[in-house]
Amino acid sequence: MAQAYLFVHFREKTTPDGEQVYFDISRDGFHWEAVNDGAPVLWAYYGDKGVRDFTITHSIETGKYYIFATDLSLSYGMRNQYHNSWDEIGRNGSKYFSVWESEDLVNWSDQRLVKIGDDDFGCLWAPDLIYDKENGEYVLHWSSSHAANDYGPKKIYYSTTKNFVHFSAPQVLYEKEDSGVIDSAIYEENGVYYLFVKSESNPAKIILLRSDHAAGPYVRMESFDESMKDVESGLYEAPTAVQLDDSRWCLFLDYYGVPGAGQGYVPFVADSLASGKFVRSDASFSFPYGYKHGTILPITEEDYERIKNQDWSDHGYQ
């Protein structure tokens, strides 16, 4: 049975409505349409009162869907408690993730805040979830600075959970010797795990690594570096990918080389993750507006229709 797709993301706006939860749907993974007329479907009322960098998963263990997000509002916070300083956000930003859960993708719980680790962590950025088949648990991973190196270059950390309530103590999943790393995304193909991550320098690009285990160790794939050689440095982040019905993979990289609404995802396509060879494919895709840092979830046709036909007008401000 053919699958459809749900894209959970935010929008790059200077007003608070941009840093909320947006849904868009697609029947083929190429042509996307806005849910709720392009307005948020969920709002953050706790923590920083803004959310970014989403991941969504369907738990084999609990049967529920979970959205995890960075607890951060630049719209409010950059001007206010963070004093226009990215460094201050990195050190003093939220030690929590914002979480919603649902059984049907339309009726969602209230936002809750989940603390991972202790106060030695800086801001917890860009959560992502992968099911670890080997150990029967979910690996939650993210990027953060830490007091151990005076909040210097970021590393990718991870914690495991089975019920999305209790989480193991964080450990390092991946660190790069010559630069910080952020925006991790892990996918499994034929029993091998593939880690996309943004290297902050050397190169200032997305890199791809592979491992036989969800929590590593990961080894870099030079074939991906070669396929990305013409992609400009320092302009792309937030990799997210999805496997299509025909087994091809679509990789989306978030372009931030211009201010405001010109930002958003750019698509690349590969026959397999194992090949590491992605080809830029802008002309094959259409989006109603620029999607920022999110995750795609394969869904059923029934899910697609339920999301499309849902009255979202009671799900926050319009």
C-alpha atoms as a PDB file:
ATOM      1  CA  MET A   1       0.000   0.000   0.000  1.00  0.00           C
ATOM      2  CA  ALA A   2       1.320   3.325  -0.994  1.00  0.00           C
ATOM      3  CA  GLN A   3       2.335   5.586   1.819  1.00  0.00           C
ATOM      4  CA  ALA A   4       1.818   9.308   2.272  1.00  0.00           C
ATOM      5  CA  TYR A   5       4.008  11.724   4.232  1.00  0.00           C
ATOM      6  CA  LEU A   6       3.774  14.258   7.052  1.00  0.00           C
ATOM      7  CA  PHE A   7       6.350  17.053   7.378  1.00  0.00           C
ATOM      8  CA  VAL A   8       6.575  18.625  10.849  1.00  0.00           C
ATOM      9  CA  HIS A   9       8.507  21.913  10.867  1.00  0.00           C
ATOM     10  CA  PHE A  10       8.527  25.604  11.813  1.00  0.00           C
ATOM     11  CA  ARG A  11       8.685  28.822   9.783  1.00  0.00           C
ATOM     12  CA  GLU A  12      11.391  31.491   9.771  1.00  0.00           C
ATOM     13  CA  LYS A  13       9.468  34.567  10.929  1.00  0.00           C
ATOM     14  CA  THR A  14      10.274  37.379  13.330  1.00  0.00           C
ATOM     15  CA  THR A  15       6.864  37.007  14.979  1.00  0.00           C
ATOM     16  CA  PRO A  16       6.133  34.344  17.639  1.00  0.00           C
ATOM     17  CA  ASP A  17       3.799  32.347  15.374  1.00  0.00           C
ATOM     18  CA  GLY A  18       6.760  31.184  13.269  1.00  0.00           C
ATOM     19  CA  GLU A  19       8.354  29.167  16.078  1.00  0.00           C
ATOM     20  CA  GLN A  20       5.409  26.830  16.577  1.00  0.00           C
ATOM     21  CA  VAL A  21       4.388  23.429  15.193  1.00  0.00           C
ATOM     22  CA  TYR A  22       3.414  23.320  11.500  1.00  0.00           C
ATOM     23  CA  PHE A  23       2.164  20.326   9.511  1.00  0.00           C
ATOM     24  CA  ASP A  24       2.357  19.808   5.761  1.00  0.00           C
ATOM     25  CA  ILE A  25       1.334  16.665   3.897  1.00  0.00           C
ATOM     26  CA  SER A  26       2.177  14.915   0.648  1.00  0.00           C
ATOM     27  CA  ARG A  27       1.028  11.818  -1.217  1.00  0.00           C
ATOM     28  CA  ASP A  28       4.323  11.316  -3.056  1.00  0.00           C
ATOM     29  CA  GLY A  29       7.047  13.052  -1.018  1.00  0.00           C
ATOM     30  CA  PHE A  30       7.618  15.562  -3.828  1.00  0.00           C
ATOM     31  CA  HIS A  31       4.539  17.794  -3.884  1.00  0.00           C
ATOM     32  CA  TRP A  32       3.572  19.286  -0.537  1.00  0.00           C
ATOM     33  CA  GLU A  33       0.485  21.095   0.733  1.00  0.00           C
ATOM     34  CA  ALA A  34      -0.062  23.147   3.878  1.00  0.00           C
ATOM     35  CA  VAL A  35      -2.256  21.955   6.741  1.00  0.00           C
ATOM     36  CA  ASN A  36      -4.476  24.483   8.545  1.00  0.00           C
ATOM     37  CA  ASP A  37      -3.972  27.025   5.727  1.00  0.00           C
ATOM     38  CA  GLY A  38      -0.312  27.367   6.685  1.00  0.00           C
ATOM     39  CA  ALA A  39      -1.018  28.312  10.321  1.00  0.00           C
ATOM     40  CA  PRO A  40       0.378  26.442  13.346  1.00  0.00           C
ATOM     41  CA  VAL A  41      -1.396  23.273  14.447  1.00  0.00           C
ATOM     42  CA  LEU A  42       0.176  23.250  17.932  1.00  0.00           C
ATOM     43  CA  TRP A  43       1.504  26.048  20.120  1.00  0.00           C
ATOM     44  CA  ALA A  44       4.157  26.162  22.825  1.00  0.00           C
ATOM     45  CA  TYR A  45       2.829  27.768  25.986  1.00  0.00           C
ATOM     46  CA  TYR A  46       5.590  26.665  28.354  1.00  0.00           C
ATOM     47  CA  GLY A  47       9.348  27.052  28.569  1.00  0.00           C
ATOM     48  CA  ASP A  48      10.603  29.605  26.050  1.00  0.00           C
ATOM     49  CA  LYS A  49       7.103  29.668  24.465  1.00  0.00           C
ATOM     50  CA  GLY A  50       8.599  28.855  21.102  1.00  0.00           C
ATOM     51  CA  VAL A  51       9.812  25.636  19.481  1.00  0.00           C
ATOM     52  CA  ARG A  52      12.167  24.756  16.635  1.00  0.00           C
ATOM     53  CA  ASP A  53      13.967  21.765  15.127  1.00  0.00           C
ATOM     54  CA  PHE A  54      11.319  19.049  15.275  1.00  0.00           C
ATOM     55  CA  THR A  55      11.456  15.307  15.174  1.00  0.00           C
ATOM     56  CA  ILE A  56       8.445  12.990  15.072  1.00  0.00           C
ATOM     57  CA  THR A  57       8.271   9.238  15.550  1.00  0.00           C
ATOM     58  CA  HIS A  58       5.692   6.480  15.946  1.00  0.00           C
ATOM     59  CA  SER A  59       6.614   4.292  18.887  1.00  0.00           C
ATOM     60  CA  ILE A  60       6.557   0.543  18.431  1.00  0.00           C
ATOM     61  CA  GLU A  61       6.594   0.242  22.221  1.00  0.00           C
ATOM     62  CA  THR A  62       3.673   2.536  23.180  1.00  0.00           C
ATOM     63  CA  GLY A  63       1.744   2.858  19.918  1.00  0.00           C
ATOM     64  CA  LYS A  64       1.807   6.653  20.221  1.00  0.00           C
ATOM     65  CA  TYR A  65       3.262   9.394  18.066  1.00  0.00           C
ATOM     66  CA  TYR A  66       5.745  11.777  19.688  1.00  0.00           C
ATOM     67  CA  ILE A  67       6.961  15.194  18.616  1.00  0.00           C
ATOM     68  CA  PHE A  68      10.164  16.441  20.253  1.00  0.00           C
ATOM     69  CA  ALA A  69      11.435  19.990  19.710  1.00  0.00           C
ATOM     70  CA  THR A  70      14.087  22.459  20.795  1.00  0.00           C
ATOM     71  CA  ASP A  71      12.621  24.685  23.520  1.00  0.00           C
ATOM     72  CA  LEU A  72      13.680  28.053  22.116  1.00  0.00           C
ATOM     73  CA  SER A  73      12.023  31.236  20.914  1.00  0.00           C
ATOM     74  CA  LEU A  74      14.302  33.645  19.116  1.00  0.00           C
ATOM     75  CA  SER A  75      11.297  35.893  18.564  1.00  0.00           C
ATOM     76  CA  TYR A  76      10.943  36.470  22.307  1.00  0.00           C
ATOM     77  CA  GLY A  77      14.201  35.241  23.772  1.00  0.00           C
ATOM     78  CA  MET A  78      16.883  36.679  21.485  1.00  0.00           C
ATOM     79  CA  ARG A  79      15.658  40.186  22.334  1.00  0.00           C
ATOM     80  CA  ASN A  80      14.948  39.405  25.957  1.00  0.00           C
ATOM     81  CA  GLN A  81      16.761  36.881  28.162  1.00  0.00           C
ATOM     82  CA  TYR A  82      19.516  36.093  25.646  1.00  0.00           C
ATOM     83  CA  HIS A  83      20.529  39.724  24.969  1.00  0.00           C
ATOM     84  CA  ASN A  84      21.009  39.173  21.221  1.00  0.00           C
ATOM     85  CA  SER A  85      23.772  36.628  21.873  1.00  0.00           C
ATOM     86  CA  TRP A  86      23.954  33.160  20.294  1.00  0.00           C
ATOM     87  CA  ASP A  87      26.720  32.351  22.769  1.00  0.00           C
ATOM     88  CA  GLU A  88      24.392  33.112  25.658  1.00  0.00           C
ATOM     89  CA  ILE A  89      21.736  30.834  24.181  1.00  0.00           C
ATOM     90  CA  GLY A  90      24.340  28.080  23.823  1.00  0.00           C
ATOM     91  CA  ARG A  91      25.343  28.372  27.475  1.00  0.00           C
ATOM     92  CA  ASN A  92      22.106  29.358  29.192  1.00  0.00           C
ATOM     93  CA  GLY A  93      19.373  28.132  26.877  1.00  0.00           C
ATOM     94  CA  SER A  94      16.807  25.526  27.841  1.00  0.00           C
ATOM     95  CA  LYS A  95      17.909  22.188  29.316  1.00  0.00           C
ATOM     96  CA  TYR A  96      14.545  20.749  28.260  1.00  0.00           C
ATOM     97  CA  PHE A  97      12.864  19.432  25.153  1.00  0.00           C
ATOM     98  CA  SER A  98       9.258  20.251  24.360  1.00  0.00           C
ATOM     99  CA  VAL A  99       7.165  17.123  23.776  1.00  0.00           C
ATOM    100  CA  TRP A 100       3.666  16.392  22.451  1.00  0.00           C
ATOM    101  CA  GLU A 101       2.073  12.964  22.060  1.00  0.00           C
ATOM    102  CA  SER A 102      -0.893  11.595  20.141  1.00  0.00           C
ATOM    103  CA  GLU A 103      -2.598   8.332  19.192  1.00  0.00           C
ATOM    104  CA  ASP A 104      -3.968   9.544  15.840  1.00  0.00           C
ATOM    105  CA  LEU A 105      -1.860  12.549  14.671  1.00  0.00           C
ATOM    106  CA  VAL A 106      -4.748  15.008  15.143  1.00  0.00           C
ATOM    107  CA  ASN A 107      -5.581  14.898  18.858  1.00  0.00           C
ATOM    108  CA  TRP A 108      -2.451  15.950  20.721  1.00  0.00           C
ATOM    109  CA  SER A 109      -1.566  16.219  24.391  1.00  0.00           C
ATOM    110  CA  ASP A 110      -0.574  19.492  25.991  1.00  0.00           C
ATOM    111  CA  GLN A 111       3.069  20.443  25.599  1.00  0.00           C
ATOM    112  CA  ARG A 112       5.301  19.001  28.307  1.00  0.00           C
ATOM    113  CA  LEU A 113       8.923  19.775  29.056  1.00  0.00           C
ATOM    114  CA  VAL A 114      11.383  16.884  29.431  1.00  0.00           C
ATOM    115  CA  LYS A 115      14.767  17.524  31.053  1.00  0.00           C
ATOM    116  CA  ILE A 116      17.598  15.392  29.716  1.00  0.00           C
ATOM    117  CA  GLY A 117      20.872  15.401  31.627  1.00  0.00           C
ATOM    118  CA  ASP A 118      21.955  18.004  34.154  1.00  0.00           C
ATOM    119  CA  ASP A 119      22.735  21.718  34.300  1.00  0.00           C
ATOM    120  CA  ASP A 120      26.271  21.192  32.966  1.00  0.00           C
ATOM    121  CA  PHE A 121      24.709  21.007  29.506  1.00  0.00           C
ATOM    122  CA  GLY A 122      24.152  24.120  27.484  1.00  0.00           C
ATOM    123  CA  CYS A 123      21.026  24.511  25.393  1.00  0.00           C
ATOM    124  CA  LEU A 124      19.716  21.196  24.044  1.00  0.00           C
ATOM    125  CA  TRP A 125      19.415  21.621  20.272  1.00  0.00           C
ATOM    126  CA  ALA A 126      17.686  19.732  17.485  1.00  0.00           C
ATOM    127  CA  PRO A 127      16.442  16.408  18.915  1.00  0.00           C
ATOM    128  CA  ASP A 128      16.116  13.398  16.627  1.00  0.00           C
ATOM    129  CA  LEU A 129      14.819   9.885  17.314  1.00  0.00           C
ATOM    130  CA  ILE A 130      15.766   6.523  15.824  1.00  0.00           C
ATOM    131  CA  TYR A 131      14.552   3.074  16.843  1.00  0.00           C
ATOM    132  CA  ASP A 132      17.467   0.829  17.793  1.00  0.00           C
ATOM    133  CA  LYS A 133      16.372  -2.605  16.548  1.00  0.00           C
ATOM    134  CA  GLU A 134      19.389  -4.247  18.133  1.00  0.00           C
ATOM    135  CA  ASN A 135      18.468  -3.188  21.682  1.00  0.00           C
ATOM    136  CA  GLY A 136      14.717  -2.624  21.368  1.00  0.00           C
ATOM    137  CA  GLU A 137      14.757   0.994  22.470  1.00  0.00           C
ATOM    138  CA  TYR A 138      14.696   4.502  21.074  1.00  0.00           C
ATOM    139  CA  VAL A 139      17.818   6.593  20.770  1.00  0.00           C
ATOM    140  CA  LEU A 140      17.162  10.288  21.355  1.00  0.00           C
ATOM    141  CA  HIS A 141      20.119  12.345  20.135  1.00  0.00           C
ATOM    142  CA  TRP A 142      20.852  16.058  19.943  1.00  0.00           C
ATOM    143  CA  SER A 143      23.652  18.624  19.897  1.00  0.00           C
ATOM    144  CA  SER A 144      24.843  20.603  22.879  1.00  0.00           C
ATOM    145  CA  SER A 145      27.774  22.440  24.339  1.00  0.00           C
ATOM    146  CA  HIS A 146      28.934  21.414  27.817  1.00  0.00           C
ATOM    147  CA  ALA A 147      30.687  22.803  30.874  1.00  0.00           C
ATOM    148  CA  ALA A 148      33.421  20.171  30.456  1.00  0.00           C
ATOM    149  CA  ASN A 149      34.993  22.196  27.635  1.00  0.00           C
ATOM    150  CA  ASP A 150      33.679  25.578  28.821  1.00  0.00           C
ATOM    151  CA  TYR A 151      30.782  25.414  26.377  1.00  0.00           C
ATOM    152  CA  GLY A 152      33.103  25.210  23.401  1.00  0.00           C
ATOM    153  CA  PRO A 153      32.531  23.131  20.251  1.00  0.00           C
ATOM    154  CA  LYS A 154      29.290  21.150  20.378  1.00  0.00           C
ATOM    155  CA  LYS A 155      29.039  17.364  20.339  1.00  0.00           C
ATOM    156  CA  ILE A 156      26.211  14.963  19.552  1.00  0.00           C
ATOM    157  CA  TYR A 157      24.843  13.341  22.709  1.00  0.00           C
ATOM    158  CA  TYR A 158      22.299  10.591  23.123  1.00  0.00           C
ATOM    159  CA  SER A 159      19.944   9.074  25.674  1.00  0.00           C
ATOM    160  CA  THR A 160      17.787   5.963  25.378  1.00  0.00           C
ATOM    161  CA  THR A 161      14.149   5.368  26.269  1.00  0.00           C
ATOM    162  CA  LYS A 162      11.396   2.814  25.820  1.00  0.00           C
ATOM    163  CA  ASN A 163       8.444   4.789  27.165  1.00  0.00           C
ATOM    164  CA  PHE A 164       9.372   8.441  26.406  1.00  0.00           C
ATOM    165  CA  VAL A 165       9.047   9.230  30.107  1.00  0.00           C
ATOM    166  CA  HIS A 166      12.257   7.794  31.543  1.00  0.00           C
ATOM    167  CA  PHE A 167      15.561   8.495  29.776  1.00  0.00           C
ATOM    168  CA  SER A 168      19.051   7.146  30.384  1.00  0.00           C
ATOM    169  CA  ALA A 169      21.931   9.408  31.394  1.00  0.00           C
ATOM    170  CA  PRO A 170      23.360  11.184  28.321  1.00  0.00           C
ATOM    171  CA  GLN A 171      26.499   9.909  26.599  1.00  0.00           C
ATOM    172  CA  VAL A 172      28.503  11.197  23.654  1.00  0.00           C
ATOM    173  CA  LEU A 173      27.308   9.691  20.373  1.00  0.00           C
ATOM    174  CA  TYR A 174      29.656  11.540  18.027  1.00  0.00           C
ATOM    175  CA  GLU A 175      32.318  14.228  18.315  1.00  0.00           C
ATOM    176  CA  LYS A 176      34.497  15.634  15.565  1.00  0.00           C
ATOM    177  CA  GLU A 177      38.090  16.405  16.486  1.00  0.00           C
ATOM    178  CA  ASP A 178      38.481  19.531  14.361  1.00  0.00           C
ATOM    179  CA  SER A 179      35.079  21.236  14.759  1.00  0.00           C
ATOM    180  CA  GLY A 180      31.770  21.328  16.538  1.00  0.00           C
ATOM    181  CA  VAL A 181      28.864  19.295  15.160  1.00  0.00           C
ATOM    182  CA  ILE A 182      25.129  19.994  15.267  1.00  0.00           C
ATOM    183  CA  ASP A 183      21.825  18.883  13.719  1.00  0.00           C
ATOM    184  CA  SER A 184      22.149  15.092  13.791  1.00  0.00           C
ATOM    185  CA  ALA A 185      19.713  12.816  11.955  1.00  0.00           C
ATOM    186  CA  ILE A 186      19.971   9.010  11.921  1.00  0.00           C
ATOM    187  CA  TYR A 187      18.311   6.533   9.541  1.00  0.00           C
ATOM    188  CA  GLU A 188      18.472   2.761   9.183  1.00  0.00           C
ATOM    189  CA  GLU A 189      18.809   0.935   5.874  1.00  0.00           C
ATOM    190  CA  ASN A 190      19.321  -2.829   5.637  1.00  0.00           C
ATOM    191  CA  GLY A 191      20.521  -3.059   9.234  1.00  0.00           C
ATOM    192  CA  VAL A 192      23.088  -0.256   8.882  1.00  0.00           C
ATOM    193  CA  TYR A 193      22.661   3.117  10.582  1.00  0.00           C
ATOM    194  CA  TYR A 194      23.479   6.354   8.764  1.00  0.00           C
ATOM    195  CA  LEU A 195      24.194   9.626  10.570  1.00  0.00           C
ATOM    196  CA  PHE A 196      23.821  12.983   8.851  1.00  0.00           C
ATOM    197  CA  VAL A 197      25.320  15.856  10.812  1.00  0.00           C
ATOM    198  CA  LYS A 198      26.332  19.441  10.181  1.00  0.00           C
ATOM    199  CA  SER A 199      30.062  20.010  10.621  1.00  0.00           C
ATOM    200  CA  GLU A 200      30.658  23.599  11.730  1.00  0.00           C
ATOM    201  CA  SER A 201      34.015  23.743   9.958  1.00  0.00           C
ATOM    202  CA  ASN A 202      36.506  21.528   8.060  1.00  0.00           C
ATOM    203  CA  PRO A 203      34.186  21.455   6.091  1.00  0.00           C
ATOM    204  CA  ALA A 204      31.315  23.794   7.014  1.00  0.00           C
ATOM    205  CA  LYS A 205      28.924  21.351   5.384  1.00  0.00           C
ATOM    206  CA  ILE A 206      26.682  18.371   6.014  1.00  0.00           C
ATOM    207  CA  ILE A 207      28.612  15.119   6.339  1.00  0.00           C
ATOM    208  CA  LEU A 208      27.399  11.504   6.373  1.00  0.00           C
ATOM    209  CA  LEU A 209      28.686   8.644   8.510  1.00  0.00           C
ATOM    210  CA  ARG A 210      27.716   5.007   8.960  1.00  0.00           C
ATOM    211  CA  SER A 211      27.725   2.400  11.721  1.00  0.00           C
ATOM    212  CA  ASP A 212      26.478  -1.102  12.437  1.00  0.00           C
ATOM    213  CA  HIS A 213      24.981   0.198  15.697  1.00  0.00           C
ATOM    214  CA  ALA A 214      22.548   3.051  16.337  1.00  0.00           C
ATOM    215  CA  ALA A 215      24.782   4.592  19.012  1.00  0.00           C
ATOM    216  CA  GLY A 216      27.967   4.209  16.960  1.00  0.00           C
ATOM    217  CA  PRO A 217      30.878   4.348  16.538  1.00  0.00           C
ATOM    218  CA  TYR A 218      30.332   6.137  13.202  1.00  0.00           C
ATOM    219  CA  VAL A 219      32.733   6.292  10.254  1.00  0.00           C
ATOM    220  CA  ARG A 220      32.593   9.067   7.643  1.00  0.00           C
ATOM    221  CA  MET A 221      31.512   8.278   4.071  1.00  0.00           C
ATOM    222  CA  GLU A 222      33.703   9.965   1.469  1.00  0.00           C
ATOM    223  CA  SER A 223      31.212   9.162  -1.319  1.00  0.00           C
ATOM    224  CA  PHE A 224      28.776  11.633   0.246  1.00  0.00           C
ATOM    225  CA  ASP A 225      31.489  14.305   0.522  1.00  0.00           C
ATOM    226  CA  GLU A 226      32.128  13.890  -3.198  1.00  0.00           C
ATOM    227  CA  SER A 227      28.453  14.209  -4.107  1.00  0.00           C
ATOM    228  CA  MET A 228      28.220  17.412  -2.019  1.00  0.00           C
ATOM    229  CA  LYS A 229      31.349  19.045  -3.446  1.00  0.00           C
ATOM    230  CA  ASP A 230      29.360  21.650  -5.418  1.00  0.00           C
ATOM    231  CA  VAL A 231      27.107  22.585  -2.486  1.00  0.00           C
ATOM    232  CA  GLU A 232      28.213  25.894  -0.996  1.00  0.00           C
ATOM    233  CA  SER A 233      29.871  25.844   2.415  1.00  0.00           C
ATOM    234  CA  GLY A 234      28.279  27.509   5.401  1.00  0.00           C
ATOM    235  CA  LEU A 235      24.775  27.865   3.962  1.00  0.00           C
ATOM    236  CA  TYR A 236      22.995  24.594   4.779  1.00  0.00           C
ATOM    237  CA  GLU A 237      22.010  22.832   8.003  1.00  0.00           C
ATOM    238  CA  ALA A 238      19.292  20.652   9.554  1.00  0.00           C
ATOM    239  CA  PRO A 239      19.456  17.530   7.342  1.00  0.00           C
ATOM    240  CA  THR A 240      16.340  15.369   7.289  1.00  0.00           C
ATOM    241  CA  ALA A 241      15.565  12.419   5.031  1.00  0.00           C
ATOM    242  CA  VAL A 242      12.811   9.993   4.111  1.00  0.00           C
ATOM    243  CA  GLN A 243      12.666   6.774   2.109  1.00  0.00           C
ATOM    244  CA  LEU A 244      10.078   6.768  -0.672  1.00  0.00           C
ATOM    245  CA  ASP A 245       7.855   3.914  -1.857  1.00  0.00           C
ATOM    246  CA  ASP A 246      10.317   3.119  -4.641  1.00  0.00           C
ATOM    247  CA  SER A 247      13.139   2.762  -2.044  1.00  0.00           C
ATOM    248  CA  ARG A 248      14.921   5.968  -3.107  1.00  0.00           C
ATOM    249  CA  TRP A 249      15.893   8.443  -0.393  1.00  0.00           C
ATOM    250  CA  CYS A 250      15.051  12.144  -0.356  1.00  0.00           C
ATOM    251  CA  LEU A 251      17.439  14.285   1.684  1.00  0.00           C
ATOM    252  CA  PHE A 252      16.420  17.830   2.559  1.00  0.00           C
ATOM    253  CA  LEU A 253      18.985  20.438   3.606  1.00  0.00           C
ATOM    254  CA  ASP A 254      17.831  23.686   5.220  1.00  0.00           C
ATOM    255  CA  TYR A 255      19.200  26.690   3.293  1.00  0.00           C
ATOM    256  CA  TYR A 256      19.841  29.747   5.484  1.00  0.00           C
ATOM    257  CA  GLY A 257      21.937  31.843   3.102  1.00  0.00           C
ATOM    258  CA  VAL A 258      19.376  34.662   2.919  1.00  0.00           C
ATOM    259  CA  PRO A 259      17.329  36.412   5.615  1.00  0.00           C
ATOM    260  CA  GLY A 260      13.703  35.626   6.354  1.00  0.00           C
ATOM    261  CA  ALA A 261      11.227  33.895   4.069  1.00  0.00           C
ATOM    262  CA  GLY A 262      13.815  32.996   1.416  1.00  0.00           C
ATOM    263  CA  GLN A 263      15.125  30.292   3.719  1.00  0.00           C
ATOM    264  CA  GLY A 264      13.938  26.701   3.617  1.00  0.00           C
ATOM    265  CA  TYR A 265      14.599  23.157   2.526  1.00  0.00           C
ATOM    266  CA  VAL A 266      16.409  22.168  -0.678  1.00  0.00           C
ATOM    267  CA  PRO A 267      15.948  18.540  -1.890  1.00  0.00           C
ATOM    268  CA  PHE A 268      18.489  15.917  -2.947  1.00  0.00           C
ATOM    269  CA  VAL A 269      17.762  12.347  -4.096  1.00  0.00           C
ATOM    270  CA  ALA A 270      19.778   9.103  -3.868  1.00  0.00           C
ATOM    271  CA  ASP A 271      19.116   5.491  -4.839  1.00  0.00           C
ATOM    272  CA  SER A 272      20.316   4.373  -1.403  1.00  0.00           C
ATOM    273  CA  LEU A 273      21.971   5.649   1.747  1.00  0.00           C
ATOM    274  CA  ALA A 274      24.671   3.044   1.254  1.00  0.00           C
ATOM    275  CA  SER A 275      25.744   4.737  -1.978  1.00  0.00           C
ATOM    276  CA  GLY A 276      26.094   8.143  -0.325  1.00  0.00           C
ATOM    277  CA  LYS A 277      25.500   9.707  -3.747  1.00  0.00           C
ATOM    278  CA  PHE A 278      22.830  12.401  -3.657  1.00  0.00           C
ATOM    279  CA  VAL A 279      21.784  14.586  -6.594  1.00  0.00           C
ATOM    280  CA  ARG A 280      20.206  18.019  -6.144  1.00  0.00           C
ATOM    281  CA  SER A 281      16.639  17.861  -7.479  1.00  0.00           C
ATOM    282  CA  ASP A 282      14.920  21.229  -6.952  1.00  0.00           C
ATOM    283  CA  ALA A 283      12.721  20.986 -10.060  1.00  0.00           C
ATOM    284  CA  SER A 284      11.119  17.731  -8.884  1.00  0.00           C
ATOM    285  CA  PHE A 285       9.697  19.236  -5.676  1.00  0.00           C
ATOM    286  CA  SER A 286       7.151  21.906  -4.768  1.00  0.00           C
ATOM    287  CA  PHE A 287       6.501  23.536  -1.393  1.00  0.00           C
ATOM    288  CA  PRO A 288       3.852  26.134  -0.456  1.00  0.00           C
ATOM    289  CA  TYR A 289       6.437  28.112   1.549  1.00  0.00           C
ATOM    290  CA  GLY A 290       9.851  27.650   3.132  1.00  0.00           C
ATOM    291  CA  TYR A 291       9.956  24.796   5.622  1.00  0.00           C
ATOM    292  CA  LYS A 292      12.484  25.115   8.437  1.00  0.00           C
ATOM    293  CA  HIS A 293      14.203  22.362  10.435  1.00  0.00           C
ATOM    294  CA  GLY A 294      11.832  19.440  10.803  1.00  0.00           C
ATOM    295  CA  THR A 295      11.278  15.738  10.139  1.00  0.00           C
ATOM    296  CA  ILE A 296       9.191  13.687   7.701  1.00  0.00           C
ATOM    297  CA  LEU A 297       7.053  10.791   8.917  1.00  0.00           C
ATOM    298  CA  PRO A 298       5.652   8.184   6.490  1.00  0.00           C
ATOM    299  CA  ILE A 299       1.897   7.893   7.141  1.00  0.00           C
ATOM    300  CA  THR A 300      -1.050   5.967   5.684  1.00  0.00           C
ATOM    301  CA  GLU A 301      -3.623   7.321   3.244  1.00  0.00           C
ATOM    302  CA  GLU A 302      -6.105   7.209   6.140  1.00  0.00           C
ATOM    303  CA  ASP A 303      -3.762   9.363   8.233  1.00  0.00           C
ATOM    304  CA  TYR A 304      -3.365  11.766   5.311  1.00  0.00           C
ATOM    305  CA  GLU A 305      -7.116  12.256   4.956  1.00  0.00           C
ATOM    306  CA  ARG A 306      -7.642  12.601   8.704  1.00  0.00           C
ATOM    307  CA  ILE A 307      -4.962  15.307   8.984  1.00  0.00           C
ATOM    308  CA  LYS A 308      -6.184  17.102   5.861  1.00  0.00           C
ATOM    309  CA  ASN A 309      -9.821  17.164   6.999  1.00  0.00           C
ATOM    310  CA  GLN A 310      -9.213  17.949  10.669  1.00  0.00           C
ATOM    311  CA  ASP A 311     -10.592  21.235  11.983  1.00  0.00           C
ATOM    312  CA  TRP A 312      -7.454  22.707  13.569  1.00  0.00           C
ATOM    313  CA  SER A 313      -9.125  25.986  14.576  1.00  0.00           C
ATOM    314  CA  ASP A 314      -9.110  25.102  18.286  1.00  0.00           C
ATOM    315  CA  HIS A 315      -5.407  24.219  18.297  1.00  0.00           C
ATOM    316  CA  GLY A 316      -4.090  27.657  19.255  1.00  0.00           C
ATOM    317  CA  TYR A 317      -4.108  31.154  17.847  1.00  0.00           C
ATOM    318  CA  GLN A 318      -4.873  31.802  14.185  1.00  0.00           C
END
